[in-house]
C-alpha atoms as a PDB file:
ATOM      1  CA  MET A   1       6.617 -11.265 -14.651  1.00  0.00           C
ATOM      2  CA  LYS A   2       3.636 -12.063 -12.474  1.00  0.00           C
ATOM      3  CA  LEU A   3       2.264 -10.062  -9.569  1.00  0.00           C
ATOM      4  CA  TYR A   4       0.143 -11.962  -7.064  1.00  0.00           C
ATOM      5  CA  TYR A   5      -2.224  -9.419  -5.544  1.00  0.00           C
ATOM      6  CA  THR A   6      -5.799  -8.706  -4.549  1.00  0.00           C
ATOM      7  CA  PRO A   7      -7.717  -5.837  -6.173  1.00  0.00           C
ATOM      8  CA  ARG A   8      -8.364  -4.049  -2.868  1.00  0.00           C
ATOM      9  CA  SER A   9      -4.953  -4.572  -1.253  1.00  0.00           C
ATOM     10  CA  HIS A  10      -3.287  -1.231  -0.593  1.00  0.00           C
ATOM     11  CA  PHE A  11       0.097  -2.939  -0.334  1.00  0.00           C
ATOM     12  CA  SER A  12      -0.460  -4.427  -3.792  1.00  0.00           C
ATOM     13  CA  ARG A  13      -1.820  -1.173  -5.159  1.00  0.00           C
ATOM     14  CA  LYS A  14       1.277   0.908  -4.528  1.00  0.00           C
ATOM     15  CA  VAL A  15       3.230  -1.662  -6.565  1.00  0.00           C
ATOM     16  CA  ARG A  16       0.552  -1.728  -9.276  1.00  0.00           C
ATOM     17  CA  VAL A  17       0.727   2.068  -9.593  1.00  0.00           C
ATOM     18  CA  LEU A  18       4.515   1.900  -9.938  1.00  0.00           C
ATOM     19  CA  VAL A  19       4.177  -0.852 -12.566  1.00  0.00           C
ATOM     20  CA  ASP A  20       1.718   1.308 -14.518  1.00  0.00           C
ATOM     21  CA  ALA A  21       3.855   4.444 -14.124  1.00  0.00           C
ATOM     22  CA  LEU A  22       6.861   2.547 -15.499  1.00  0.00           C
ATOM     23  CA  ASN A  23       4.702   1.047 -18.262  1.00  0.00           C
ATOM     24  CA  LEU A  24       5.822  -2.501 -17.435  1.00  0.00           C
ATOM     25  CA  GLN A  25       4.120  -5.636 -18.700  1.00  0.00           C
ATOM     26  CA  VAL A  26       3.180  -7.630 -15.616  1.00  0.00           C
ATOM     27  CA  GLU A  27       0.553 -10.363 -15.428  1.00  0.00           C
ATOM     28  CA  LEU A  28      -1.773  -9.753 -12.474  1.00  0.00           C
ATOM     29  CA  ILE A  29      -2.864 -12.879 -10.626  1.00  0.00           C
ATOM     30  CA  ASN A  30      -5.642 -12.417  -8.100  1.00  0.00           C
ATOM     31  CA  ALA A  31      -4.800 -14.405  -4.955  1.00  0.00           C
ATOM     32  CA  GLY A  32      -8.464 -14.463  -3.958  1.00  0.00           C
ATOM     33  CA  ASN A  33      -9.436 -14.559  -0.304  1.00  0.00           C
ATOM     34  CA  VAL A  34      -6.324 -13.639   1.698  1.00  0.00           C
ATOM     35  CA  ALA A  35      -7.733 -15.370   4.774  1.00  0.00           C
ATOM     36  CA  GLU A  36      -7.446 -18.759   3.076  1.00  0.00           C
ATOM     37  CA  ASP A  37      -4.373 -20.913   3.604  1.00  0.00           C
ATOM     38  CA  SER A  38      -3.945 -22.077   0.020  1.00  0.00           C
ATOM     39  CA  ALA A  39      -0.222 -21.402  -0.412  1.00  0.00           C
ATOM     40  CA  GLU A  40      -0.202 -21.706  -4.204  1.00  0.00           C
ATOM     41  CA  ASN A  41      -2.461 -18.635  -4.435  1.00  0.00           C
ATOM     42  CA  PHE A  42       0.340 -16.460  -3.072  1.00  0.00           C
ATOM     43  CA  GLY A  43       3.059 -17.006  -5.655  1.00  0.00           C
ATOM     44  CA  LEU A  44       5.682 -18.901  -3.675  1.00  0.00           C
ATOM     45  CA  ASN A  45       5.390 -16.560  -0.676  1.00  0.00           C
ATOM     46  CA  PRO A  46       5.800 -18.722   2.468  1.00  0.00           C
ATOM     47  CA  LEU A  47       3.989 -16.060   4.522  1.00  0.00           C
ATOM     48  CA  MET A  48       0.949 -16.348   2.193  1.00  0.00           C
ATOM     49  CA  ARG A  49       0.636 -12.589   1.731  1.00  0.00           C
ATOM     50  CA  VAL A  50       0.230 -10.194  -1.148  1.00  0.00           C
ATOM     51  CA  PRO A  51       1.850  -8.739  -3.072  1.00  0.00           C
ATOM     52  CA  THR A  52       4.431 -11.173  -4.380  1.00  0.00           C
ATOM     53  CA  LEU A  53       6.269 -10.608  -7.645  1.00  0.00           C
ATOM     54  CA  VAL A  54       7.615 -13.603  -9.554  1.00  0.00           C
ATOM     55  CA  ASP A  55      10.201 -12.813 -12.220  1.00  0.00           C
ATOM     56  CA  ASN A  56      11.598 -15.772 -14.171  1.00  0.00           C
ATOM     57  CA  GLY A  57      10.754 -18.110 -11.290  1.00  0.00           C
ATOM     58  CA  CYS A  58      12.353 -15.832  -8.674  1.00  0.00           C
ATOM     59  CA  PRO A  59       9.875 -14.571  -6.061  1.00  0.00           C
ATOM     60  CA  VAL A  60      10.217 -11.118  -4.513  1.00  0.00           C
ATOM     61  CA  PHE A  61       8.276 -10.515  -1.295  1.00  0.00           C
ATOM     62  CA  GLU A  62       6.947  -7.333   0.354  1.00  0.00           C
ATOM     63  CA  SER A  63       5.696  -4.278  -1.496  1.00  0.00           C
ATOM     64  CA  ASP A  64       8.597  -1.896  -0.873  1.00  0.00           C
ATOM     65  CA  TYR A  65      11.186  -4.547  -1.782  1.00  0.00           C
ATOM     66  CA  ILE A  66       9.221  -5.329  -4.933  1.00  0.00           C
ATOM     67  CA  ALA A  67       9.271  -1.633  -5.837  1.00  0.00           C
ATOM     68  CA  GLN A  68      13.039  -1.484  -5.274  1.00  0.00           C
ATOM     69  CA  TYR A  69      13.545  -4.614  -7.374  1.00  0.00           C
ATOM     70  CA  LEU A  70      11.495  -3.178 -10.253  1.00  0.00           C
ATOM     71  CA  VAL A  71      13.360   0.127 -10.204  1.00  0.00           C
ATOM     72  CA  ARG A  72      16.770  -1.547 -10.122  1.00  0.00           C
ATOM     73  CA  GLN A  73      15.755  -3.740 -13.071  1.00  0.00           C
ATOM     74  CA  PHE A  74      13.776  -1.297 -15.217  1.00  0.00           C
ATOM     75  CA  ASP A  75      14.263   2.322 -14.117  1.00  0.00           C
ATOM     76  CA  LYS A  76      17.941   3.046 -13.536  1.00  0.00           C
ATOM     77  CA  ASN A  77      17.149   6.773 -13.173  1.00  0.00           C
ATOM     78  CA  ASP A  78      14.670   6.049 -10.353  1.00  0.00           C
ATOM     79  CA  ARG A  79      12.128   8.566 -11.685  1.00  0.00           C
ATOM     80  CA  PHE A  80       9.765   8.018  -8.750  1.00  0.00           C
ATOM     81  CA  ASN A  81      12.338   8.182  -5.938  1.00  0.00           C
ATOM     82  CA  VAL A  82      11.894   4.610  -4.773  1.00  0.00           C
ATOM     83  CA  LEU A  83      15.534   4.145  -3.741  1.00  0.00           C
ATOM     84  CA  THR A  84      15.729   7.260  -1.591  1.00  0.00           C
ATOM     85  CA  ASN A  85      17.746   7.416   1.609  1.00  0.00           C
ATOM     86  CA  ASP A  86      15.959  10.556   2.817  1.00  0.00           C
ATOM     87  CA  VAL A  87      14.978   9.921   6.442  1.00  0.00           C
ATOM     88  CA  ARG A  88      11.807  12.056   6.254  1.00  0.00           C
ATOM     89  CA  THR A  89      10.570  10.049   3.278  1.00  0.00           C
ATOM     90  CA  LEU A  90      11.503   6.711   4.834  1.00  0.00           C
ATOM     91  CA  ASN A  91       9.780   7.665   8.102  1.00  0.00           C
ATOM     92  CA  ALA A  92       6.634   8.656   6.200  1.00  0.00           C
ATOM     93  CA  ARG A  93       6.696   5.300   4.395  1.00  0.00           C
ATOM     94  CA  ALA A  94       7.143   3.487   7.719  1.00  0.00           C
ATOM     95  CA  VAL A  95       4.191   5.339   9.251  1.00  0.00           C
ATOM     96  CA  MET A  96       1.999   4.591   6.230  1.00  0.00           C
ATOM     97  CA  ASN A  97       2.996   0.907   6.305  1.00  0.00           C
ATOM     98  CA  GLY A  98       2.109   0.849  10.011  1.00  0.00           C
ATOM     99  CA  VAL A  99      -1.272   2.467   9.397  1.00  0.00           C
ATOM    100  CA  MET A 100      -1.970   0.046   6.563  1.00  0.00           C
ATOM    101  CA  SER A 101      -0.971  -2.998   8.638  1.00  0.00           C
ATOM    102  CA  ALA A 102      -3.089  -1.823  11.567  1.00  0.00           C
ATOM    103  CA  GLU A 103      -6.103  -1.383   9.307  1.00  0.00           C
ATOM    104  CA  VAL A 104      -5.629  -4.908   7.919  1.00  0.00           C
ATOM    105  CA  GLU A 105      -5.604  -6.282  11.488  1.00  0.00           C
ATOM    106  CA  LEU A 106      -8.940  -4.619  12.204  1.00  0.00           C
ATOM    107  CA  ILE A 107     -10.512  -5.758   8.940  1.00  0.00           C
ATOM    108  CA  LEU A 108      -9.382  -9.371   9.221  1.00  0.00           C
ATOM    109  CA  ALA A 109     -10.358  -9.585  12.888  1.00  0.00           C
ATOM    110  CA  ALA A 110     -13.872  -8.373  12.070  1.00  0.00           C
ATOM    111  CA  ARG A 111     -14.111 -10.768   9.098  1.00  0.00           C
ATOM    112  CA  THR A 112     -13.344 -13.725  11.339  1.00  0.00           C
ATOM    113  CA  GLY A 113     -16.019 -12.730  13.839  1.00  0.00           C
ATOM    114  CA  ILE A 114     -13.901 -11.066  16.513  1.00  0.00           C
ATOM    115  CA  ASP A 115     -15.680  -8.188  18.229  1.00  0.00           C
ATOM    116  CA  THR A 116     -13.073  -5.462  17.788  1.00  0.00           C
ATOM    117  CA  GLU A 117     -14.983  -3.239  20.211  1.00  0.00           C
ATOM    118  CA  ALA A 118     -14.598  -5.743  23.055  1.00  0.00           C
ATOM    119  CA  TYR A 119     -10.811  -5.830  23.366  1.00  0.00           C
ATOM    120  CA  LEU A 120      -8.418  -3.057  24.379  1.00  0.00           C
ATOM    121  CA  ARG A 121      -5.873  -4.297  21.844  1.00  0.00           C
ATOM    122  CA  PHE A 122      -8.116  -3.144  19.011  1.00  0.00           C
ATOM    123  CA  ASN A 123      -8.590   0.267  20.634  1.00  0.00           C
ATOM    124  CA  LYS A 124      -4.816   0.688  20.545  1.00  0.00           C
ATOM    125  CA  ILE A 125      -4.708  -0.404  16.899  1.00  0.00           C
ATOM    126  CA  THR A 126      -7.358   2.164  15.975  1.00  0.00           C
ATOM    127  CA  GLU A 127      -5.522   4.833  17.959  1.00  0.00           C
ATOM    128  CA  SER A 128      -2.294   4.013  16.122  1.00  0.00           C
ATOM    129  CA  ILE A 129      -4.067   4.603  12.801  1.00  0.00           C
ATOM    130  CA  ASN A 130      -5.350   7.969  13.994  1.00  0.00           C
ATOM    131  CA  ARG A 131      -1.967   9.001  15.397  1.00  0.00           C
ATOM    132  CA  GLY A 132      -0.231   7.910  12.208  1.00  0.00           C
ATOM    133  CA  LEU A 133      -2.612   9.937  10.044  1.00  0.00           C
ATOM    134  CA  ASN A 134      -2.210  12.964  12.297  1.00  0.00           C
ATOM    135  CA  TRP A 135       1.585  12.636  12.084  1.00  0.00           C
ATOM    136  CA  LEU A 136       1.359  12.532   8.285  1.00  0.00           C
ATOM    137  CA  GLU A 137      -1.047  15.494   8.170  1.00  0.00           C
ATOM    138  CA  LEU A 138       1.452  17.604  10.133  1.00  0.00           C
ATOM    139  CA  ARG A 139       4.107  16.737   7.537  1.00  0.00           C
ATOM    140  CA  ALA A 140       1.897  16.765   4.431  1.00  0.00           C
ATOM    141  CA  GLU A 141       4.271  19.060   2.534  1.00  0.00           C
ATOM    142  CA  ILE A 142       6.389  15.971   1.899  1.00  0.00           C
ATOM    143  CA  PHE A 143       3.717  14.842  -0.595  1.00  0.00           C
ATOM    144  CA  SER A 144       3.870  18.017  -2.692  1.00  0.00           C
ATOM    145  CA  GLY A 145       5.673  18.142  -6.000  1.00  0.00           C
ATOM    146  CA  GLU A 146       5.844  15.593  -8.752  1.00  0.00           C
ATOM    147  CA  PRO A 147       4.326  12.119  -8.379  1.00  0.00           C
ATOM    148  CA  SER A 148       6.607   9.746  -6.521  1.00  0.00           C
ATOM    149  CA  TYR A 149       6.480   6.342  -4.896  1.00  0.00           C
ATOM    150  CA  LEU A 150       5.739   8.163  -1.641  1.00  0.00           C
ATOM    151  CA  GLY A 151       2.649   9.653  -3.270  1.00  0.00           C
ATOM    152  CA  PHE A 152       1.661   6.269  -4.708  1.00  0.00           C
ATOM    153  CA  HIS A 153       1.907   4.931  -1.168  1.00  0.00           C
ATOM    154  CA  LEU A 154      -0.271   7.756   0.187  1.00  0.00           C
ATOM    155  CA  THR A 155      -3.031   7.280  -2.384  1.00  0.00           C
ATOM    156  CA  ALA A 156      -3.059   3.505  -1.862  1.00  0.00           C
ATOM    157  CA  MET A 157      -3.370   3.935   1.903  1.00  0.00           C
ATOM    158  CA  TRP A 158      -5.931   6.752   1.750  1.00  0.00           C
ATOM    159  CA  ASP A 159      -8.261   5.133  -0.774  1.00  0.00           C
ATOM    160  CA  HIS A 160      -8.232   1.873   1.208  1.00  0.00           C
ATOM    161  CA  LEU A 161      -9.059   3.725   4.423  1.00  0.00           C
ATOM    162  CA  ALA A 162     -11.884   5.522   2.610  1.00  0.00           C
ATOM    163  CA  LEU A 163     -13.217   2.234   1.229  1.00  0.00           C
ATOM    164  CA  TYR A 164     -13.402   0.476   4.604  1.00  0.00           C
ATOM    165  CA  ASP A 165     -14.370   3.587   6.604  1.00  0.00           C
ATOM    166  CA  LEU A 166     -12.955   2.425   9.948  1.00  0.00           C
ATOM    167  CA  VAL A 167     -11.629   5.843  11.002  1.00  0.00           C
ATOM    168  CA  SER A 168     -12.457   9.464  10.281  1.00  0.00           C
ATOM    169  CA  LEU A 169     -10.465  10.951   7.404  1.00  0.00           C
ATOM    170  CA  ASN A 170     -10.597  14.550   8.559  1.00  0.00           C
ATOM    171  CA  TYR A 171      -7.120  15.370   7.271  1.00  0.00           C
ATOM    172  CA  PRO A 172      -7.518  18.137   4.664  1.00  0.00           C
ATOM    173  CA  LYS A 173      -3.867  18.383   3.616  1.00  0.00           C
ATOM    174  CA  LEU A 174      -3.622  14.662   2.986  1.00  0.00           C
ATOM    175  CA  ARG A 175      -6.986  14.714   1.171  1.00  0.00           C
ATOM    176  CA  ASP A 176      -5.743  17.528  -1.089  1.00  0.00           C
ATOM    177  CA  SER A 177      -2.556  15.625  -1.888  1.00  0.00           C
ATOM    178  CA  VAL A 178      -4.522  12.490  -2.738  1.00  0.00           C
ATOM    179  CA  GLY A 179      -6.882  14.497  -4.949  1.00  0.00           C
ATOM    180  CA  ARG A 180      -3.979  16.039  -6.870  1.00  0.00           C
ATOM    181  CA  LEU A 181      -2.237  12.698  -7.326  1.00  0.00           C
ATOM    182  CA  SER A 182      -5.429  10.885  -8.310  1.00  0.00           C
ATOM    183  CA  ALA A 183      -5.676  13.120 -11.374  1.00  0.00           C
ATOM    184  CA  PHE A 184      -2.909  11.019 -12.959  1.00  0.00           C
ATOM    185  CA  ALA A 185      -4.482   8.214 -14.998  1.00  0.00           C
ATOM    186  CA  TYR A 186      -1.954   5.587 -13.882  1.00  0.00           C
ATOM    187  CA  ILE A 187      -2.878   6.305 -10.259  1.00  0.00           C
ATOM    188  CA  ALA A 188      -6.627   6.592 -10.755  1.00  0.00           C
ATOM    189  CA  ALA A 189      -6.803   3.344 -12.759  1.00  0.00           C
ATOM    190  CA  SER A 190      -6.413   1.134  -9.686  1.00  0.00           C
ATOM    191  CA  ILE A 191      -8.661   2.886  -7.153  1.00  0.00           C
ATOM    192  CA  PRO A 192     -10.379   0.077  -5.210  1.00  0.00           C
ATOM    193  CA  ARG A 193     -14.134  -0.240  -5.553  1.00  0.00           C
END
């Protein structure tokens, strides 16, 4: 199996943590600059995004679908609660995916020279990140307990936000959860630098 990723991608990281937690042998292939349009760097993904998993020539797109695929193939007991139908957990994942996507929009806009301070659209994107984090902080008890894919998701999002420093991270309950989870070696191993 091959995972096309970038070392700082939070979407890739939550999959990488799951791969490490399941002790799977997966070749990591760095896609390089995600702003480039070199399709072959993205492992057969027509959207040219990371992560993409390729297993025996079959590509699997999108981080949460990749996680589900891996669990169905290699972890029938679903130790990390990837296949949950719990609405609270799924809503938390959706909010984190939204925060992560919004942050990527801001980062890529700035990288291409767009003044993100000059357009109201970017104010709304920043506000959505803040509202998403506040929503998660008010429900932070969902991250307590044993490590789970939800926790992998949280640490990937949080550490990426901390790295790029686009919003304040004054959310003590979330910070505490990330600190507890980051004590696990398979989570700490992929913290972006």
